Amino acid sequence: MDVTESAATDRALAFVGEIASVCERCPLAGSRTRVVFGAGNPAAELMIVGEAPGADEDATGLPFVGDAGQTLDTLLDDAGLRRDDAYVTNVVKCRPPGNRPLTQAEVAACAPYLDLQLALVRPRVILAVGASAARRLTGLTTPLERLHGDPHPVGRYTVVPTFHPSSFNRRRGRQDQAGADVGAARRALDDQGVP
């Protein structure tokens, strides 16, 4: 994607983000501080898709800026990847109360926004962070414990599911597994000739 295309994509993402900022397609709109649409490189070959914003993200309007985001940055750095080179978003753009699990209706309500982000950015590899992201992007209901780390071709994308950093404290060894998963995403990029 050249500079002109990248600027046009950035403008289109900003336009869709403005539409999302006043969205009331589901009950999450009533409890949010702000919509967390997405951020990053509009010409990214890597898209990172989490599940939903947390408290820090709801406060700032930016994805993965809290503790989970710092852990994600470390995993990316360890794999030789940089967040600045990726586009980062979530399946759902508003924080669920108390960070509870997402409902199918909430995922469906936000689906058009994620679909537009995918169509505009056109990544080659998607790191699906968390079970809801993995299900939404692969279409599989296989438990994340069995799905993580394996590249899944889905249309023009390669989806690599991994665990959400917020789960690391609950399950021993998850951070090491997630590190290996991010490494698998890096290899998928390398296999496609992405620097």
C-alpha atoms as a PDB file:
ATOM      1  CA  MET A   1       0.000   0.000   0.000  1.00  0.00           C
ATOM      2  CA  ASP A   2       1.518   3.327  -1.012  1.00  0.00           C
ATOM      3  CA  VAL A   3       1.383   6.580   0.984  1.00  0.00           C
ATOM      4  CA  THR A   4      -1.707   7.872  -0.846  1.00  0.00           C
ATOM      5  CA  GLU A   5      -3.582   4.595  -0.275  1.00  0.00           C
ATOM      6  CA  SER A   6      -2.506   4.534   3.361  1.00  0.00           C
ATOM      7  CA  ALA A   7      -3.778   8.091   3.919  1.00  0.00           C
ATOM      8  CA  ALA A   8      -7.093   7.215   2.240  1.00  0.00           C
ATOM      9  CA  THR A   9      -7.419   4.120   4.436  1.00  0.00           C
ATOM     10  CA  ASP A  10      -6.648   6.200   7.528  1.00  0.00           C
ATOM     11  CA  ARG A  11      -9.397   8.682   6.557  1.00  0.00           C
ATOM     12  CA  ALA A  12     -11.877   5.857   5.916  1.00  0.00           C
ATOM     13  CA  LEU A  13     -11.065   4.259   9.289  1.00  0.00           C
ATOM     14  CA  ALA A  14     -11.528   7.629  10.999  1.00  0.00           C
ATOM     15  CA  PHE A  15     -14.916   8.040   9.300  1.00  0.00           C
ATOM     16  CA  VAL A  16     -16.088   4.578  10.400  1.00  0.00           C
ATOM     17  CA  GLY A  17     -14.732   5.323  13.879  1.00  0.00           C
ATOM     18  CA  GLU A  18     -16.859   8.477  14.030  1.00  0.00           C
ATOM     19  CA  ILE A  19     -19.934   6.450  13.150  1.00  0.00           C
ATOM     20  CA  ALA A  20     -19.031   3.872  15.815  1.00  0.00           C
ATOM     21  CA  SER A  21     -18.534   6.632  18.403  1.00  0.00           C
ATOM     22  CA  VAL A  22     -22.281   7.260  18.508  1.00  0.00           C
ATOM     23  CA  CYS A  23     -23.349   3.631  18.054  1.00  0.00           C
ATOM     24  CA  GLU A  24     -26.262   2.362  20.108  1.00  0.00           C
ATOM     25  CA  ARG A  25     -26.669  -1.043  18.457  1.00  0.00           C
ATOM     26  CA  CYS A  26     -26.453  -2.897  21.788  1.00  0.00           C
ATOM     27  CA  PRO A  27     -26.881  -2.198  25.536  1.00  0.00           C
ATOM     28  CA  LEU A  28     -23.119  -1.679  26.035  1.00  0.00           C
ATOM     29  CA  ALA A  29     -23.589   1.829  24.654  1.00  0.00           C
ATOM     30  CA  GLY A  30     -25.355   2.823  27.853  1.00  0.00           C
ATOM     31  CA  SER A  31     -22.438   2.000  30.153  1.00  0.00           C
ATOM     32  CA  ARG A  32     -19.403   3.069  28.145  1.00  0.00           C
ATOM     33  CA  THR A  33     -17.292   6.166  28.681  1.00  0.00           C
ATOM     34  CA  ARG A  34     -16.181   6.114  25.064  1.00  0.00           C
ATOM     35  CA  VAL A  35     -15.990   3.774  22.092  1.00  0.00           C
ATOM     36  CA  VAL A  36     -12.588   2.124  21.633  1.00  0.00           C
ATOM     37  CA  PHE A  37     -12.521   1.776  17.861  1.00  0.00           C
ATOM     38  CA  GLY A  38      -8.923   0.943  16.995  1.00  0.00           C
ATOM     39  CA  ALA A  39      -5.508   2.447  16.435  1.00  0.00           C
ATOM     40  CA  GLY A  40      -2.324   1.842  14.554  1.00  0.00           C
ATOM     41  CA  ASN A  41      -0.897   1.510  11.104  1.00  0.00           C
ATOM     42  CA  PRO A  42      -3.629   1.601   8.415  1.00  0.00           C
ATOM     43  CA  ALA A  43      -1.293  -0.283   6.053  1.00  0.00           C
ATOM     44  CA  ALA A  44      -0.454  -3.006   8.579  1.00  0.00           C
ATOM     45  CA  GLU A  45       0.214  -6.562   7.511  1.00  0.00           C
ATOM     46  CA  LEU A  46      -0.535  -7.607  11.124  1.00  0.00           C
ATOM     47  CA  MET A  47      -3.829  -6.868  12.854  1.00  0.00           C
ATOM     48  CA  ILE A  48      -4.211  -7.575  16.551  1.00  0.00           C
ATOM     49  CA  VAL A  49      -7.810  -8.205  17.568  1.00  0.00           C
ATOM     50  CA  GLY A  50      -8.692  -8.489  21.250  1.00  0.00           C
ATOM     51  CA  GLU A  51     -12.038  -9.218  22.836  1.00  0.00           C
ATOM     52  CA  ALA A  52     -13.288  -5.949  24.356  1.00  0.00           C
ATOM     53  CA  PRO A  53     -11.945  -2.806  26.017  1.00  0.00           C
ATOM     54  CA  GLY A  54     -11.160  -2.805  29.727  1.00  0.00           C
ATOM     55  CA  ALA A  55     -11.327   0.093  32.180  1.00  0.00           C
ATOM     56  CA  ASP A  56      -8.100   1.765  30.979  1.00  0.00           C
ATOM     57  CA  GLU A  57      -9.178   1.482  27.361  1.00  0.00           C
ATOM     58  CA  ASP A  58     -12.658   2.822  28.133  1.00  0.00           C
ATOM     59  CA  ALA A  59     -11.035   5.824  29.855  1.00  0.00           C
ATOM     60  CA  THR A  60      -8.549   6.614  27.062  1.00  0.00           C
ATOM     61  CA  GLY A  61     -10.403   5.444  23.951  1.00  0.00           C
ATOM     62  CA  LEU A  62      -7.343   3.426  22.852  1.00  0.00           C
ATOM     63  CA  PRO A  63      -7.023  -0.381  22.634  1.00  0.00           C
ATOM     64  CA  PHE A  64      -4.649  -2.407  24.839  1.00  0.00           C
ATOM     65  CA  VAL A  65      -3.231   0.449  26.939  1.00  0.00           C
ATOM     66  CA  GLY A  66      -3.610  -1.085  30.413  1.00  0.00           C
ATOM     67  CA  ASP A  67      -1.656  -3.906  32.040  1.00  0.00           C
ATOM     68  CA  ALA A  68      -2.770  -6.365  29.355  1.00  0.00           C
ATOM     69  CA  GLY A  69      -1.504  -3.980  26.681  1.00  0.00           C
ATOM     70  CA  GLN A  70       1.888  -3.664  28.346  1.00  0.00           C
ATOM     71  CA  THR A  71       2.153  -7.445  28.500  1.00  0.00           C
ATOM     72  CA  LEU A  72       1.123  -7.680  24.844  1.00  0.00           C
ATOM     73  CA  ASP A  73       3.822  -5.148  23.923  1.00  0.00           C
ATOM     74  CA  THR A  74       6.423  -7.305  25.686  1.00  0.00           C
ATOM     75  CA  LEU A  75       5.253 -10.406  23.794  1.00  0.00           C
ATOM     76  CA  LEU A  76       5.434  -8.509  20.507  1.00  0.00           C
ATOM     77  CA  ASP A  77       8.915  -7.166  21.298  1.00  0.00           C
ATOM     78  CA  ASP A  78      10.131 -10.659  22.207  1.00  0.00           C
ATOM     79  CA  ALA A  79       8.939 -11.899  18.792  1.00  0.00           C
ATOM     80  CA  GLY A  80      10.629  -9.029  16.956  1.00  0.00           C
ATOM     81  CA  LEU A  81       7.348  -7.252  16.221  1.00  0.00           C
ATOM     82  CA  ARG A  82       6.323  -3.677  17.011  1.00  0.00           C
ATOM     83  CA  ARG A  83       2.874  -2.429  17.914  1.00  0.00           C
ATOM     84  CA  ASP A  84       3.515   0.628  15.712  1.00  0.00           C
ATOM     85  CA  ASP A  85       3.626  -1.678  12.698  1.00  0.00           C
ATOM     86  CA  ALA A  86       0.255  -3.291  13.540  1.00  0.00           C
ATOM     87  CA  TYR A  87      -3.356  -2.196  13.594  1.00  0.00           C
ATOM     88  CA  VAL A  88      -4.964  -2.937  16.969  1.00  0.00           C
ATOM     89  CA  THR A  89      -8.667  -3.269  17.711  1.00  0.00           C
ATOM     90  CA  ASN A  90     -11.232  -5.425  19.517  1.00  0.00           C
ATOM     91  CA  VAL A  91     -14.184  -7.582  18.510  1.00  0.00           C
ATOM     92  CA  VAL A  92     -16.468  -5.350  20.599  1.00  0.00           C
ATOM     93  CA  LYS A  93     -15.795  -1.616  20.786  1.00  0.00           C
ATOM     94  CA  CYS A  94     -17.412  -0.858  24.182  1.00  0.00           C
ATOM     95  CA  ARG A  95     -16.445  -2.147  27.616  1.00  0.00           C
ATOM     96  CA  PRO A  96     -18.737  -4.804  29.068  1.00  0.00           C
ATOM     97  CA  PRO A  97     -19.700  -3.947  32.672  1.00  0.00           C
ATOM     98  CA  GLY A  98     -17.198  -5.504  35.079  1.00  0.00           C
ATOM     99  CA  ASN A  99     -15.301  -6.945  32.094  1.00  0.00           C
ATOM    100  CA  ARG A 100     -17.817  -9.795  31.956  1.00  0.00           C
ATOM    101  CA  PRO A 101     -17.762 -12.223  29.003  1.00  0.00           C
ATOM    102  CA  LEU A 102     -19.286 -10.989  25.763  1.00  0.00           C
ATOM    103  CA  THR A 103     -22.699 -12.102  24.572  1.00  0.00           C
ATOM    104  CA  GLN A 104     -23.334 -13.313  21.042  1.00  0.00           C
ATOM    105  CA  ALA A 105     -25.653 -10.333  20.528  1.00  0.00           C
ATOM    106  CA  GLU A 106     -22.858  -7.895  21.456  1.00  0.00           C
ATOM    107  CA  VAL A 107     -20.415  -9.601  19.096  1.00  0.00           C
ATOM    108  CA  ALA A 108     -23.024  -9.518  16.321  1.00  0.00           C
ATOM    109  CA  ALA A 109     -23.829  -5.836  16.962  1.00  0.00           C
ATOM    110  CA  CYS A 110     -20.167  -4.849  16.512  1.00  0.00           C
ATOM    111  CA  ALA A 111     -19.491  -7.257  13.630  1.00  0.00           C
ATOM    112  CA  PRO A 112     -19.970  -4.615  10.885  1.00  0.00           C
ATOM    113  CA  TYR A 113     -17.300  -2.384  12.445  1.00  0.00           C
ATOM    114  CA  LEU A 114     -14.715  -5.160  12.652  1.00  0.00           C
ATOM    115  CA  ASP A 115     -15.599  -6.320   9.139  1.00  0.00           C
ATOM    116  CA  LEU A 116     -15.010  -2.791   7.820  1.00  0.00           C
ATOM    117  CA  GLN A 117     -11.696  -2.534   9.690  1.00  0.00           C
ATOM    118  CA  LEU A 118     -10.581  -5.834   8.144  1.00  0.00           C
ATOM    119  CA  ALA A 119     -11.668  -4.734   4.665  1.00  0.00           C
ATOM    120  CA  LEU A 120      -9.935  -1.361   4.947  1.00  0.00           C
ATOM    121  CA  VAL A 121      -6.647  -2.440   6.568  1.00  0.00           C
ATOM    122  CA  ARG A 122      -6.386  -5.738   4.640  1.00  0.00           C
ATOM    123  CA  PRO A 123      -3.927  -7.460   6.973  1.00  0.00           C
ATOM    124  CA  ARG A 124      -2.272 -10.715   5.996  1.00  0.00           C
ATOM    125  CA  VAL A 125      -2.037 -12.075   9.550  1.00  0.00           C
ATOM    126  CA  ILE A 126      -4.420 -11.557  12.470  1.00  0.00           C
ATOM    127  CA  LEU A 127      -3.399 -12.270  16.053  1.00  0.00           C
ATOM    128  CA  ALA A 128      -6.714 -13.158  17.729  1.00  0.00           C
ATOM    129  CA  VAL A 129      -6.240 -12.379  21.430  1.00  0.00           C
ATOM    130  CA  GLY A 130      -8.713 -14.279  23.613  1.00  0.00           C
ATOM    131  CA  ALA A 131     -11.437 -16.862  23.074  1.00  0.00           C
ATOM    132  CA  SER A 132     -14.084 -14.427  21.769  1.00  0.00           C
ATOM    133  CA  ALA A 133     -11.664 -13.045  19.182  1.00  0.00           C
ATOM    134  CA  ALA A 134     -10.584 -16.536  18.135  1.00  0.00           C
ATOM    135  CA  ARG A 135     -14.198 -17.685  17.705  1.00  0.00           C
ATOM    136  CA  ARG A 136     -15.210 -14.555  15.804  1.00  0.00           C
ATOM    137  CA  LEU A 137     -12.248 -14.649  13.422  1.00  0.00           C
ATOM    138  CA  THR A 138     -11.923 -18.395  12.789  1.00  0.00           C
ATOM    139  CA  GLY A 139     -15.583 -19.354  13.026  1.00  0.00           C
ATOM    140  CA  LEU A 140     -14.518 -22.326  15.157  1.00  0.00           C
ATOM    141  CA  THR A 141     -15.907 -23.236  18.567  1.00  0.00           C
ATOM    142  CA  THR A 142     -12.886 -25.348  19.498  1.00  0.00           C
ATOM    143  CA  PRO A 143     -11.603 -24.424  22.984  1.00  0.00           C
ATOM    144  CA  LEU A 144      -8.759 -21.916  22.865  1.00  0.00           C
ATOM    145  CA  GLU A 145      -6.539 -24.347  24.775  1.00  0.00           C
ATOM    146  CA  ARG A 146      -6.534 -26.557  21.650  1.00  0.00           C
ATOM    147  CA  LEU A 147      -6.759 -23.799  19.046  1.00  0.00           C
ATOM    148  CA  HIS A 148      -4.012 -21.405  20.174  1.00  0.00           C
ATOM    149  CA  GLY A 149      -0.778 -21.032  18.246  1.00  0.00           C
ATOM    150  CA  ASP A 150      -1.901 -22.795  15.079  1.00  0.00           C
ATOM    151  CA  PRO A 151      -2.213 -20.618  11.970  1.00  0.00           C
ATOM    152  CA  HIS A 152      -5.726 -20.895  10.503  1.00  0.00           C
ATOM    153  CA  PRO A 153      -6.279 -19.764   6.918  1.00  0.00           C
ATOM    154  CA  VAL A 154      -9.582 -17.859   6.810  1.00  0.00           C
ATOM    155  CA  GLY A 155     -10.273 -16.307   3.428  1.00  0.00           C
ATOM    156  CA  ARG A 156      -7.361 -14.007   2.608  1.00  0.00           C
ATOM    157  CA  TYR A 157      -6.152 -13.928   6.232  1.00  0.00           C
ATOM    158  CA  THR A 158      -4.097 -16.186   8.426  1.00  0.00           C
ATOM    159  CA  VAL A 159      -5.520 -16.111  11.945  1.00  0.00           C
ATOM    160  CA  VAL A 160      -3.286 -17.090  14.869  1.00  0.00           C
ATOM    161  CA  PRO A 161      -5.307 -17.429  18.096  1.00  0.00           C
ATOM    162  CA  THR A 162      -3.677 -16.810  21.469  1.00  0.00           C
ATOM    163  CA  PHE A 163      -4.576 -16.301  25.105  1.00  0.00           C
ATOM    164  CA  HIS A 164      -5.542 -12.902  26.454  1.00  0.00           C
ATOM    165  CA  PRO A 165      -2.883 -11.427  28.787  1.00  0.00           C
ATOM    166  CA  SER A 166      -5.539 -10.965  31.478  1.00  0.00           C
ATOM    167  CA  SER A 167      -5.660 -14.771  31.805  1.00  0.00           C
ATOM    168  CA  PHE A 168      -1.952 -15.143  32.606  1.00  0.00           C
ATOM    169  CA  ASN A 169      -2.408 -14.763  36.361  1.00  0.00           C
ATOM    170  CA  ARG A 170      -5.133 -17.418  36.403  1.00  0.00           C
ATOM    171  CA  ARG A 171      -3.246 -20.123  34.519  1.00  0.00           C
ATOM    172  CA  ARG A 172       0.398 -20.986  34.954  1.00  0.00           C
ATOM    173  CA  GLY A 173       2.400 -21.191  31.750  1.00  0.00           C
ATOM    174  CA  ARG A 174      -0.031 -19.150  29.679  1.00  0.00           C
ATOM    175  CA  GLN A 175       2.441 -16.305  29.129  1.00  0.00           C
ATOM    176  CA  ASP A 176       5.006 -18.715  27.680  1.00  0.00           C
ATOM    177  CA  GLN A 177       2.326 -20.251  25.456  1.00  0.00           C
ATOM    178  CA  ALA A 178       1.193 -16.808  24.309  1.00  0.00           C
ATOM    179  CA  GLY A 179       4.802 -15.882  23.568  1.00  0.00           C
ATOM    180  CA  ALA A 180       5.082 -18.951  21.344  1.00  0.00           C
ATOM    181  CA  ASP A 181       1.778 -18.012  19.673  1.00  0.00           C
ATOM    182  CA  VAL A 182       3.030 -14.496  18.876  1.00  0.00           C
ATOM    183  CA  GLY A 183       6.148 -16.172  17.460  1.00  0.00           C
ATOM    184  CA  ALA A 184       3.854 -18.246  15.217  1.00  0.00           C
ATOM    185  CA  ALA A 185       2.223 -15.021  13.996  1.00  0.00           C
ATOM    186  CA  ARG A 186       5.691 -13.634  13.241  1.00  0.00           C
ATOM    187  CA  ARG A 187       6.560 -16.776  11.261  1.00  0.00           C
ATOM    188  CA  ALA A 188       3.293 -16.479   9.319  1.00  0.00           C
ATOM    189  CA  LEU A 189       4.279 -12.924   8.383  1.00  0.00           C
ATOM    190  CA  ASP A 190       7.773 -14.071   7.423  1.00  0.00           C
ATOM    191  CA  ASP A 191       6.338 -16.909   5.312  1.00  0.00           C
ATOM    192  CA  GLN A 192       4.382 -14.306   3.359  1.00  0.00           C
ATOM    193  CA  GLY A 193       7.447 -12.166   2.781  1.00  0.00           C
ATOM    194  CA  VAL A 194       6.562  -9.407   5.252  1.00  0.00           C
ATOM    195  CA  PRO A 195       9.609  -7.723   6.823  1.00  0.00           C
END
